[in-house]
Structures are given as structure tokens and as C-alpha cells.
């Protein structure tokens, strides 16, 4: 069992920055893949960024060059650093882990970007 708790969301003006954190429970921090997804109002959930056990990182085209995913094994935390935020980035952001085919999701954190 893995429990994920996101934090760091909030209201920010366009062009600003925000860092999301996802703290994972348990004594182990070893996953096949970890990532961030988001769900804008009235839209489907979409991948934002992911990182595999081997270190491969993927970003959605809409966030490339602006968002950075990283992990801290000591703190068992996944981060999403977001800069140059746009109103289109407004969404509920979810942390996700994949361990041996078992998927876990956080409860989500709201990010709102105003002009």
C-alpha cells in the first residue's frame, strides 16, 4: 500500500511559479514510474510529466521548458517545479505512482493561474 499526499497548490498569477510536492508513505521509495497528471475543469485527466525508475523523463508538449519533475528519495517525495505559469495550466494536479503494475493516486491539489 502506498499513500500519496499532494501539497503546494494554490492561486498564482500568470508568469509566476509554483512547486508541487507529493509525499509517499511507506519505508520504500522504489517505483517503476512516478508522475504528475492534471485535470482542467470540464476536461479529461492528462499526463503532465513522468519519470521512470531508469531515469527517463517525459513531459507534455504544453509544459516542456516550463515544468520540471524531480524526486527526493530521502524524503520520499516527488516534486513538480512549475514556472512561467499560464491560465491554461489551471487544473487539479494529481501525483501518481506505478509499482509492479499497482497504480496509486493522490487526492489532488488545485492550481489556479490568473491573468
Protein backbone atom coordinates (compact mmCIF):
# COMPACT_ATOMS: atom_id res chain seq x y z
CA UNK A 1 0.00 0.00 0.00
CA UNK A 2 1.15 3.48 -0.90
CA UNK A 3 -0.47 6.68 0.20
CA UNK A 4 0.27 9.87 -1.69
CA UNK A 5 -0.39 13.35 -0.41
CA UNK A 6 0.00 16.36 -2.68
CA UNK A 7 0.66 19.86 -1.47
CA UNK A 8 1.81 23.20 -2.81
CA UNK A 9 -1.16 24.10 -4.95
CA UNK A 10 -2.80 27.47 -4.82
CA UNK A 11 -3.51 30.67 -6.66
CA UNK A 12 -0.77 32.30 -8.68
CA UNK A 13 -0.72 35.00 -11.32
CA UNK A 14 0.32 34.30 -14.89
CA UNK A 15 4.06 34.19 -15.27
CA UNK A 16 4.55 33.10 -11.70
CA UNK A 17 5.93 29.89 -10.30
CA UNK A 18 4.79 27.15 -8.00
CA UNK A 19 6.25 23.92 -6.68
CA UNK A 20 4.08 20.92 -6.02
CA UNK A 21 5.10 18.16 -3.65
CA UNK A 22 3.88 14.61 -3.34
CA UNK A 23 4.84 12.74 -0.19
CA UNK A 24 4.70 8.96 -0.34
CA UNK A 25 4.09 6.75 2.66
CA UNK A 26 5.90 3.56 3.50
CA UNK A 27 9.50 2.62 4.12
CA UNK A 28 10.33 2.11 0.45
CA UNK A 29 10.52 4.62 -2.34
CA UNK A 30 11.00 2.41 -5.34
CA UNK A 31 8.61 2.56 -8.26
CA UNK A 32 8.60 1.65 -11.92
CA UNK A 33 7.36 5.12 -12.70
CA UNK A 34 6.13 8.24 -11.00
CA UNK A 35 4.41 11.21 -12.43
CA UNK A 36 2.11 14.16 -12.34
CA UNK A 37 -1.23 14.39 -14.07
CA UNK A 38 -3.72 17.20 -14.22
CA UNK A 39 -7.40 17.61 -14.93
CA UNK A 40 -8.57 21.02 -16.13
CA UNK A 41 -12.18 21.96 -15.40
CA UNK A 42 -14.51 20.01 -17.64
CA UNK A 43 -11.71 18.11 -19.33
CA UNK A 44 -10.07 14.69 -19.18
CA UNK A 45 -7.11 13.95 -16.97
CA UNK A 46 -3.85 14.28 -18.83
CA UNK A 47 -0.20 13.46 -18.26
CA UNK A 48 1.98 16.38 -17.29
CA UNK A 49 5.31 14.75 -16.53
CA UNK A 50 6.64 11.34 -15.62
CA UNK A 51 9.90 9.76 -14.57
CA UNK A 52 10.80 6.09 -14.74
CA UNK A 53 12.99 4.01 -12.46
CA UNK A 54 15.68 4.22 -15.12
CA UNK A 55 15.59 8.00 -15.08
CA UNK A 56 13.69 8.59 -18.30
CA UNK A 57 11.62 11.73 -18.13
CA UNK A 58 8.70 12.70 -20.32
CA UNK A 59 6.78 15.95 -20.45
CA UNK A 60 3.61 17.01 -22.10
CA UNK A 61 4.32 19.32 -25.03
CA UNK A 62 2.34 22.04 -23.33
CA UNK A 63 4.70 22.17 -20.34
CA UNK A 64 8.08 21.43 -21.87
CA UNK A 65 10.61 24.04 -20.90
CA UNK A 66 8.45 25.29 -18.05
CA UNK A 67 7.89 22.34 -15.71
CA UNK A 68 10.46 20.09 -14.09
CA UNK A 69 9.80 16.79 -12.35
CA UNK A 70 12.20 15.54 -9.71
CA UNK A 71 12.35 13.19 -6.74
CA UNK A 72 13.97 13.11 -3.34
CA UNK A 73 14.46 9.54 -2.18
CA UNK A 74 15.44 10.53 1.35
CA UNK A 75 12.20 12.44 1.79
CA UNK A 76 10.20 10.01 -0.35
CA UNK A 77 8.80 12.95 -2.23
CA UNK A 78 8.05 13.76 -5.84
CA UNK A 79 8.21 17.38 -6.96
CA UNK A 80 6.87 19.35 -9.85
CA UNK A 81 8.51 22.74 -10.26
CA UNK A 82 6.38 24.98 -12.43
CA UNK A 83 7.50 28.30 -13.86
CA UNK A 84 6.05 30.74 -16.38
CA UNK A 85 2.59 29.57 -15.45
CA UNK A 86 -0.27 30.24 -17.82
CA UNK A 87 -4.03 30.36 -17.23
CA UNK A 88 -4.25 27.16 -19.29
CA UNK A 89 -2.30 25.40 -16.54
CA UNK A 90 -5.25 25.76 -14.20
CA UNK A 91 -6.26 22.29 -13.10
CA UNK A 92 -6.32 19.81 -10.28
CA UNK A 93 -2.91 18.19 -10.21
CA UNK A 94 -2.52 14.57 -9.17
CA UNK A 95 0.52 12.59 -8.13
CA UNK A 96 0.72 9.02 -9.42
CA UNK A 97 2.99 6.04 -8.80
CA UNK A 98 3.33 2.73 -10.59
CA UNK A 99 4.86 -0.13 -8.65
CA UNK A 100 4.75 -3.51 -10.29
CA UNK A 101 1.57 -2.60 -12.12
CA UNK A 102 -0.11 -1.32 -8.99
CA UNK A 103 -1.21 2.27 -9.52
CA UNK A 104 -1.73 4.76 -6.73
CA UNK A 105 -3.13 8.27 -6.92
CA UNK A 106 -3.03 11.19 -4.58
CA UNK A 107 -6.11 13.19 -3.72
CA UNK A 108 -5.08 16.10 -5.92
CA UNK A 109 -4.17 19.71 -5.33
CA UNK A 110 -5.75 22.69 -7.04
CA UNK A 111 -3.62 25.03 -9.11
CA UNK A 112 -5.26 28.21 -10.35
CA UNK A 113 -3.44 30.65 -12.60
CA UNK A 114 -4.95 34.08 -13.06
CA UNK A 115 -4.12 36.69 -15.68
